[in-house]
């Protein structure tokens, strides 16, 4: 189970993409951007990953992160997430 509370849990940044994912707790430094709480703990102290959007991004640019291999044998395996668009 990974909720990003301690690290990226084996998820890897793509070295050939255009932007990096960042691990963070609480809101972002720019007012009214980012979630007020994280997805799993529903607490301001919870962690999440995000992409900085404070610099110019062009159409077609990507930020990629890859998970570890997920086993089909694990019947309770699921991936959940959320998207917050703000700014």
Protein backbone atom coordinates (compact mmCIF):
# COMPACT_ATOMS: atom_id res chain seq x y z
CA UNK A 1 0.00 0.00 0.00
CA UNK A 2 1.51 3.34 -1.01
CA UNK A 3 0.15 6.67 0.13
CA UNK A 4 3.41 8.65 -0.37
CA UNK A 5 3.64 9.33 3.37
CA UNK A 6 7.30 8.29 3.59
CA UNK A 7 8.64 8.15 0.03
CA UNK A 8 7.67 7.43 -3.58
CA UNK A 9 7.22 3.69 -2.77
CA UNK A 10 9.21 2.55 -5.78
CA UNK A 11 7.51 4.88 -8.26
CA UNK A 12 10.14 6.30 -10.63
CA UNK A 13 10.44 9.63 -12.43
CA UNK A 14 10.81 9.32 -16.20
CA UNK A 15 14.23 10.78 -17.01
CA UNK A 16 13.12 11.76 -20.53
CA UNK A 17 9.96 13.70 -19.72
CA UNK A 18 9.58 17.48 -19.53
CA UNK A 19 8.57 18.04 -15.89
CA UNK A 20 9.28 16.41 -12.53
CA UNK A 21 6.85 15.13 -9.95
CA UNK A 22 7.35 16.54 -6.45
CA UNK A 23 6.47 14.94 -3.11
CA UNK A 24 4.89 17.41 -0.72
CA UNK A 25 2.75 17.84 2.37
CA UNK A 26 0.27 20.66 2.97
CA UNK A 27 -0.60 23.22 0.28
CA UNK A 28 1.80 24.52 -2.31
CA UNK A 29 3.68 27.76 -1.72
CA UNK A 30 1.47 29.73 -4.12
CA UNK A 31 -1.84 30.74 -2.50
CA UNK A 32 -4.95 28.77 -3.53
CA UNK A 33 -3.08 26.06 -5.43
CA UNK A 34 -2.81 22.41 -4.53
CA UNK A 35 -5.15 20.40 -2.33
CA UNK A 36 -6.05 21.45 1.21
CA UNK A 37 -5.59 17.81 2.31
CA UNK A 38 -4.10 14.66 0.83
CA UNK A 39 -6.21 11.94 -0.80
CA UNK A 40 -5.66 9.12 1.69
CA UNK A 41 -5.46 10.66 5.16
CA UNK A 42 -7.68 13.66 4.40
CA UNK A 43 -5.29 15.71 6.55
CA UNK A 44 -3.24 18.84 5.77
CA UNK A 45 -0.19 16.96 7.06
CA UNK A 46 -0.66 14.15 4.52
CA UNK A 47 1.61 13.78 1.49
CA UNK A 48 0.87 13.85 -2.24
CA UNK A 49 2.74 14.23 -5.52
CA UNK A 50 2.31 17.18 -7.85
CA UNK A 51 3.74 19.00 -10.86
CA UNK A 52 4.82 22.60 -10.51
CA UNK A 53 2.87 24.74 -12.96
CA UNK A 54 4.45 28.08 -12.12
CA UNK A 55 6.59 28.07 -15.26
CA UNK A 56 5.68 27.93 -18.95
CA UNK A 57 4.43 24.58 -20.18
CA UNK A 58 3.88 23.92 -23.85
CA UNK A 59 1.25 21.67 -25.47
CA UNK A 60 2.52 18.11 -25.76
CA UNK A 61 4.98 18.32 -22.88
CA UNK A 62 4.69 15.52 -20.32
CA UNK A 63 5.46 14.64 -16.71
CA UNK A 64 5.70 10.87 -16.37
CA UNK A 65 5.98 8.69 -13.29
CA UNK A 66 5.89 4.87 -13.39
CA UNK A 67 4.71 2.48 -10.72
CA UNK A 68 6.43 -0.72 -9.68
CA UNK A 69 5.06 -3.83 -11.41
CA UNK A 70 1.61 -4.64 -10.03
CA UNK A 71 0.89 -8.36 -9.66
CA UNK A 72 -2.30 -9.76 -11.19
CA UNK A 73 -2.26 -12.40 -8.43
CA UNK A 74 -3.12 -9.81 -5.78
CA UNK A 75 -6.92 -9.73 -5.85
CA UNK A 76 -7.12 -6.53 -3.76
CA UNK A 77 -4.66 -4.56 -5.88
CA UNK A 78 -6.05 -1.22 -6.97
CA UNK A 79 -4.74 2.19 -7.96
CA UNK A 80 -6.64 5.25 -6.76
CA UNK A 81 -5.86 8.88 -7.29
CA UNK A 82 -7.24 12.32 -7.74
CA UNK A 83 -6.60 15.42 -9.78
CA UNK A 84 -6.67 18.99 -8.50
CA UNK A 85 -6.51 21.78 -11.08
CA UNK A 86 -6.02 25.21 -9.59
CA UNK A 87 -4.13 28.40 -10.10
